[in-house]
Amino acid sequence: MTSSDVSVVPPARQWWTLIPFLVAVIAVAGVGGLAAAGSQATYRALDLPPFAPPSWLFGPVWSVLYLTIGVAGWLLWRAGGWDRVMWLWTVQLVLNLAWTPLFFAADLYTVALVEIVVLAASVGLLIAWSWRRSRVAAWLLVPYLAWVCFATALNAGIVVLN
């Protein structure tokens, strides 16, 4: 553990302070799930690029990623309080929330593509800003960035093919 991973929150309060971060990501996942009702049928009906994964894979991947996003947010908050890093964490979460309704509920594939590019940039910036504060949090966000970049390529492929 580096000095950048040392908490500013007293130890007695640390264990329960994770709860709001998990609630936030569960809320985003829940809204996304509502917006994605019927998404498997939509996904199967689209012309997909050859690298498109099966629709069943998205749920398990996002479940793990939401957990890591929540824990990363909590670690960042513990290490530095509420500041621009936490605002960026919030912004990327809102951008994450916006993509599913744009893509699946509104069928706005090009708008969703623009939005996910902004999401990927915000997650990349969040990792960069997080590095000095908590390397553990920054590393927890790397798989999220990788998946968002993959989803961006998938979204771009769908725009081109449809």
C-alpha atoms as a PDB file:
ATOM      1  CA  MET A   1       0.000   0.000   0.000  1.00  0.00           C
ATOM      2  CA  THR A   2       1.373   3.391  -0.966  1.00  0.00           C
ATOM      3  CA  SER A   3       0.928   6.658   0.858  1.00  0.00           C
ATOM      4  CA  SER A   4      -1.622   7.584  -1.806  1.00  0.00           C
ATOM      5  CA  ASP A   5      -3.812   4.707  -0.590  1.00  0.00           C
ATOM      6  CA  VAL A   6      -3.966   5.962   2.998  1.00  0.00           C
ATOM      7  CA  SER A   7      -7.459   6.969   4.038  1.00  0.00           C
ATOM      8  CA  VAL A   8      -8.520  10.385   5.303  1.00  0.00           C
ATOM      9  CA  VAL A   9     -11.688   8.900   6.796  1.00  0.00           C
ATOM     10  CA  PRO A  10     -11.402   7.693  10.415  1.00  0.00           C
ATOM     11  CA  PRO A  11     -11.219   3.857  10.553  1.00  0.00           C
ATOM     12  CA  ALA A  12     -14.376   3.546  12.658  1.00  0.00           C
ATOM     13  CA  ARG A  13     -16.461   4.974   9.814  1.00  0.00           C
ATOM     14  CA  GLN A  14     -14.831   3.196   6.891  1.00  0.00           C
ATOM     15  CA  TRP A  15     -16.761  -0.042   6.700  1.00  0.00           C
ATOM     16  CA  TRP A  16     -20.218   1.437   6.206  1.00  0.00           C
ATOM     17  CA  THR A  17     -19.183   4.289   3.918  1.00  0.00           C
ATOM     18  CA  LEU A  18     -19.002   1.852   1.000  1.00  0.00           C
ATOM     19  CA  ILE A  19     -22.802   1.500   1.032  1.00  0.00           C
ATOM     20  CA  PRO A  20     -23.700   4.774  -0.778  1.00  0.00           C
ATOM     21  CA  PHE A  21     -21.233   3.967  -3.558  1.00  0.00           C
ATOM     22  CA  LEU A  22     -22.715   0.508  -4.030  1.00  0.00           C
ATOM     23  CA  VAL A  23     -26.228   1.969  -3.947  1.00  0.00           C
ATOM     24  CA  ALA A  24     -25.224   4.461  -6.659  1.00  0.00           C
ATOM     25  CA  VAL A  25     -23.918   1.769  -9.001  1.00  0.00           C
ATOM     26  CA  ILE A  26     -26.881  -0.517  -8.239  1.00  0.00           C
ATOM     27  CA  ALA A  27     -29.218   2.354  -9.150  1.00  0.00           C
ATOM     28  CA  VAL A  28     -27.368   2.898 -12.438  1.00  0.00           C
ATOM     29  CA  ALA A  29     -27.487  -0.828 -13.160  1.00  0.00           C
ATOM     30  CA  GLY A  30     -31.190  -0.940 -12.286  1.00  0.00           C
ATOM     31  CA  VAL A  31     -32.117   1.973 -14.542  1.00  0.00           C
ATOM     32  CA  GLY A  32     -29.978   0.470 -17.284  1.00  0.00           C
ATOM     33  CA  GLY A  33     -31.764  -2.830 -16.814  1.00  0.00           C
ATOM     34  CA  LEU A  34     -35.156  -1.148 -17.139  1.00  0.00           C
ATOM     35  CA  ALA A  35     -34.026   0.723 -20.256  1.00  0.00           C
ATOM     36  CA  ALA A  36     -32.646  -2.505 -21.699  1.00  0.00           C
ATOM     37  CA  ALA A  37     -35.890  -4.455 -21.395  1.00  0.00           C
ATOM     38  CA  GLY A  38     -36.082  -6.436 -24.598  1.00  0.00           C
ATOM     39  CA  SER A  39     -32.446  -5.690 -25.358  1.00  0.00           C
ATOM     40  CA  GLN A  40     -31.617  -9.321 -26.189  1.00  0.00           C
ATOM     41  CA  ALA A  41     -34.177  -9.289 -28.984  1.00  0.00           C
ATOM     42  CA  THR A  42     -32.907  -5.906 -30.209  1.00  0.00           C
ATOM     43  CA  TYR A  43     -29.307  -7.104 -30.063  1.00  0.00           C
ATOM     44  CA  ARG A  44     -30.095 -10.290 -31.989  1.00  0.00           C
ATOM     45  CA  ALA A  45     -32.026  -8.319 -34.634  1.00  0.00           C
ATOM     46  CA  LEU A  46     -29.076  -6.027 -35.367  1.00  0.00           C
ATOM     47  CA  ASP A  47     -26.401  -6.719 -37.930  1.00  0.00           C
ATOM     48  CA  LEU A  48     -23.436  -7.278 -35.618  1.00  0.00           C
ATOM     49  CA  PRO A  49     -19.714  -7.104 -36.263  1.00  0.00           C
ATOM     50  CA  PRO A  50     -17.899 -10.456 -36.175  1.00  0.00           C
ATOM     51  CA  PHE A  51     -16.359  -9.704 -32.760  1.00  0.00           C
ATOM     52  CA  ALA A  52     -19.743  -9.185 -31.071  1.00  0.00           C
ATOM     53  CA  PRO A  53     -20.106 -11.321 -27.935  1.00  0.00           C
ATOM     54  CA  PRO A  54     -23.256 -13.297 -27.134  1.00  0.00           C
ATOM     55  CA  SER A  55     -25.940 -11.220 -25.394  1.00  0.00           C
ATOM     56  CA  TRP A  56     -25.797 -13.330 -22.202  1.00  0.00           C
ATOM     57  CA  LEU A  57     -22.233 -12.120 -21.536  1.00  0.00           C
ATOM     58  CA  PHE A  58     -23.161  -8.490 -20.864  1.00  0.00           C
ATOM     59  CA  GLY A  59     -24.973  -9.077 -17.551  1.00  0.00           C
ATOM     60  CA  PRO A  60     -22.150 -10.924 -15.780  1.00  0.00           C
ATOM     61  CA  VAL A  61     -19.490  -8.547 -17.116  1.00  0.00           C
ATOM     62  CA  TRP A  62     -21.399  -5.446 -16.034  1.00  0.00           C
ATOM     63  CA  SER A  63     -22.148  -6.948 -12.611  1.00  0.00           C
ATOM     64  CA  VAL A  64     -18.435  -7.287 -11.902  1.00  0.00           C
ATOM     65  CA  LEU A  65     -17.634  -3.887 -13.412  1.00  0.00           C
ATOM     66  CA  TYR A  66     -20.292  -2.082 -11.370  1.00  0.00           C
ATOM     67  CA  LEU A  67     -18.845  -3.613  -8.215  1.00  0.00           C
ATOM     68  CA  THR A  68     -15.351  -2.407  -9.131  1.00  0.00           C
ATOM     69  CA  ILE A  69     -16.657   1.058 -10.071  1.00  0.00           C
ATOM     70  CA  GLY A  70     -18.376   1.354  -6.687  1.00  0.00           C
ATOM     71  CA  VAL A  71     -15.342   0.163  -4.720  1.00  0.00           C
ATOM     72  CA  ALA A  72     -13.054   2.464  -6.732  1.00  0.00           C
ATOM     73  CA  GLY A  73     -15.308   5.441  -5.986  1.00  0.00           C
ATOM     74  CA  TRP A  74     -15.311   4.580  -2.311  1.00  0.00           C
ATOM     75  CA  LEU A  75     -11.515   4.253  -2.204  1.00  0.00           C
ATOM     76  CA  LEU A  76     -11.093   7.566  -3.996  1.00  0.00           C
ATOM     77  CA  TRP A  77     -13.468   9.309  -1.620  1.00  0.00           C
ATOM     78  CA  ARG A  78     -11.762   7.794   1.426  1.00  0.00           C
ATOM     79  CA  ALA A  79      -8.355   8.885   0.167  1.00  0.00           C
ATOM     80  CA  GLY A  80      -9.245  12.465  -0.730  1.00  0.00           C
ATOM     81  CA  GLY A  81     -12.780  13.440   0.161  1.00  0.00           C
ATOM     82  CA  TRP A  82     -15.205  15.031  -2.261  1.00  0.00           C
ATOM     83  CA  ASP A  83     -13.360  17.000  -4.924  1.00  0.00           C
ATOM     84  CA  ARG A  84     -12.908  17.130  -8.700  1.00  0.00           C
ATOM     85  CA  VAL A  85     -11.954  13.443  -8.819  1.00  0.00           C
ATOM     86  CA  MET A  86     -15.230  12.500  -7.171  1.00  0.00           C
ATOM     87  CA  TRP A  87     -17.162  14.841  -9.440  1.00  0.00           C
ATOM     88  CA  LEU A  88     -15.565  13.096 -12.404  1.00  0.00           C
ATOM     89  CA  TRP A  89     -16.472   9.724 -10.881  1.00  0.00           C
ATOM     90  CA  THR A  90     -20.072  10.983 -10.703  1.00  0.00           C
ATOM     91  CA  VAL A  91     -20.001  12.323 -14.274  1.00  0.00           C
ATOM     92  CA  GLN A  92     -18.765   9.022 -15.684  1.00  0.00           C
ATOM     93  CA  LEU A  93     -21.489   7.211 -13.755  1.00  0.00           C
ATOM     94  CA  VAL A  94     -24.156   9.511 -15.242  1.00  0.00           C
ATOM     95  CA  LEU A  95     -22.677   8.974 -18.708  1.00  0.00           C
ATOM     96  CA  ASN A  96     -22.756   5.222 -18.060  1.00  0.00           C
ATOM     97  CA  LEU A  97     -26.411   5.553 -17.091  1.00  0.00           C
ATOM     98  CA  ALA A  98     -27.273   7.497 -20.263  1.00  0.00           C
ATOM     99  CA  TRP A  99     -25.898   5.029 -22.790  1.00  0.00           C
ATOM    100  CA  THR A 100     -28.362   2.156 -22.364  1.00  0.00           C
ATOM    101  CA  PRO A 101     -31.532   4.231 -22.855  1.00  0.00           C
ATOM    102  CA  LEU A 102     -29.974   5.947 -25.867  1.00  0.00           C
ATOM    103  CA  PHE A 103     -28.992   2.677 -27.498  1.00  0.00           C
ATOM    104  CA  PHE A 104     -31.735   0.238 -26.529  1.00  0.00           C
ATOM    105  CA  ALA A 105     -34.776   2.313 -25.576  1.00  0.00           C
ATOM    106  CA  ALA A 106     -34.418   5.084 -28.176  1.00  0.00           C
ATOM    107  CA  ASP A 107     -32.531   3.155 -30.887  1.00  0.00           C
ATOM    108  CA  LEU A 108     -30.241   6.179 -31.287  1.00  0.00           C
ATOM    109  CA  TYR A 109     -27.140   4.200 -32.212  1.00  0.00           C
ATOM    110  CA  THR A 110     -25.110   7.141 -33.538  1.00  0.00           C
ATOM    111  CA  VAL A 111     -25.960   9.361 -30.569  1.00  0.00           C
ATOM    112  CA  ALA A 112     -25.084   6.454 -28.279  1.00  0.00           C
ATOM    113  CA  LEU A 113     -21.748   6.136 -30.087  1.00  0.00           C
ATOM    114  CA  VAL A 114     -20.900   9.792 -29.472  1.00  0.00           C
ATOM    115  CA  GLU A 115     -21.975   9.418 -25.858  1.00  0.00           C
ATOM    116  CA  ILE A 116     -19.880   6.299 -25.252  1.00  0.00           C
ATOM    117  CA  VAL A 117     -16.796   8.000 -26.709  1.00  0.00           C
ATOM    118  CA  VAL A 118     -17.281  10.742 -24.113  1.00  0.00           C
ATOM    119  CA  LEU A 119     -17.761   8.037 -21.453  1.00  0.00           C
ATOM    120  CA  ALA A 120     -14.514   6.315 -22.445  1.00  0.00           C
ATOM    121  CA  ALA A 121     -12.654   9.626 -22.321  1.00  0.00           C
ATOM    122  CA  SER A 122     -14.077  10.416 -18.889  1.00  0.00           C
ATOM    123  CA  VAL A 123     -13.111   6.983 -17.516  1.00  0.00           C
ATOM    124  CA  GLY A 124      -9.595   7.374 -18.951  1.00  0.00           C
ATOM    125  CA  LEU A 125      -9.303  10.800 -17.343  1.00  0.00           C
ATOM    126  CA  LEU A 126     -10.653   9.409 -14.068  1.00  0.00           C
ATOM    127  CA  ILE A 127      -7.961   6.726 -14.065  1.00  0.00           C
ATOM    128  CA  ALA A 128      -5.284   9.352 -14.707  1.00  0.00           C
ATOM    129  CA  TRP A 129      -6.581  11.633 -11.954  1.00  0.00           C
ATOM    130  CA  SER A 130      -6.966   8.671  -9.569  1.00  0.00           C
ATOM    131  CA  TRP A 131      -3.430   7.367  -9.989  1.00  0.00           C
ATOM    132  CA  ARG A 132      -1.812   9.695  -7.449  1.00  0.00           C
ATOM    133  CA  ARG A 133      -4.631   9.330  -4.939  1.00  0.00           C
ATOM    134  CA  SER A 134      -5.218   5.579  -4.985  1.00  0.00           C
ATOM    135  CA  ARG A 135      -3.487   3.226  -7.354  1.00  0.00           C
ATOM    136  CA  VAL A 136      -5.795   0.438  -6.226  1.00  0.00           C
ATOM    137  CA  ALA A 137      -8.809   2.507  -7.309  1.00  0.00           C
ATOM    138  CA  ALA A 138      -7.124   3.407 -10.591  1.00  0.00           C
ATOM    139  CA  TRP A 139      -6.381  -0.263 -11.334  1.00  0.00           C
ATOM    140  CA  LEU A 140      -9.954  -1.234 -10.427  1.00  0.00           C
ATOM    141  CA  LEU A 141     -11.132   1.131 -13.180  1.00  0.00           C
ATOM    142  CA  VAL A 142      -8.848  -0.275 -15.904  1.00  0.00           C
ATOM    143  CA  PRO A 143     -11.106  -3.262 -16.791  1.00  0.00           C
ATOM    144  CA  TYR A 144     -14.039  -0.836 -16.950  1.00  0.00           C
ATOM    145  CA  LEU A 145     -12.158   1.345 -19.436  1.00  0.00           C
ATOM    146  CA  ALA A 146     -11.204  -1.720 -21.471  1.00  0.00           C
ATOM    147  CA  TRP A 147     -14.817  -2.890 -21.627  1.00  0.00           C
ATOM    148  CA  VAL A 148     -16.114   0.587 -22.497  1.00  0.00           C
ATOM    149  CA  CYS A 149     -13.539   0.797 -25.306  1.00  0.00           C
ATOM    150  CA  PHE A 150     -14.667  -2.621 -26.554  1.00  0.00           C
ATOM    151  CA  ALA A 151     -18.308  -1.497 -26.307  1.00  0.00           C
ATOM    152  CA  THR A 152     -17.371   1.642 -28.265  1.00  0.00           C
ATOM    153  CA  ALA A 153     -15.961  -0.483 -31.077  1.00  0.00           C
ATOM    154  CA  LEU A 154     -19.059  -2.687 -30.959  1.00  0.00           C
ATOM    155  CA  ASN A 155     -21.326   0.382 -31.051  1.00  0.00           C
ATOM    156  CA  ALA A 156     -19.335   1.786 -33.998  1.00  0.00           C
ATOM    157  CA  GLY A 157     -19.662  -1.536 -35.818  1.00  0.00           C
ATOM    158  CA  ILE A 158     -23.401  -1.531 -35.264  1.00  0.00           C
ATOM    159  CA  VAL A 159     -23.672   2.041 -36.572  1.00  0.00           C
ATOM    160  CA  VAL A 160     -21.782   1.069 -39.732  1.00  0.00           C
ATOM    161  CA  LEU A 161     -23.695  -2.161 -40.303  1.00  0.00           C
ATOM    162  CA  ASN A 162     -27.168  -0.866 -39.523  1.00  0.00           C
END
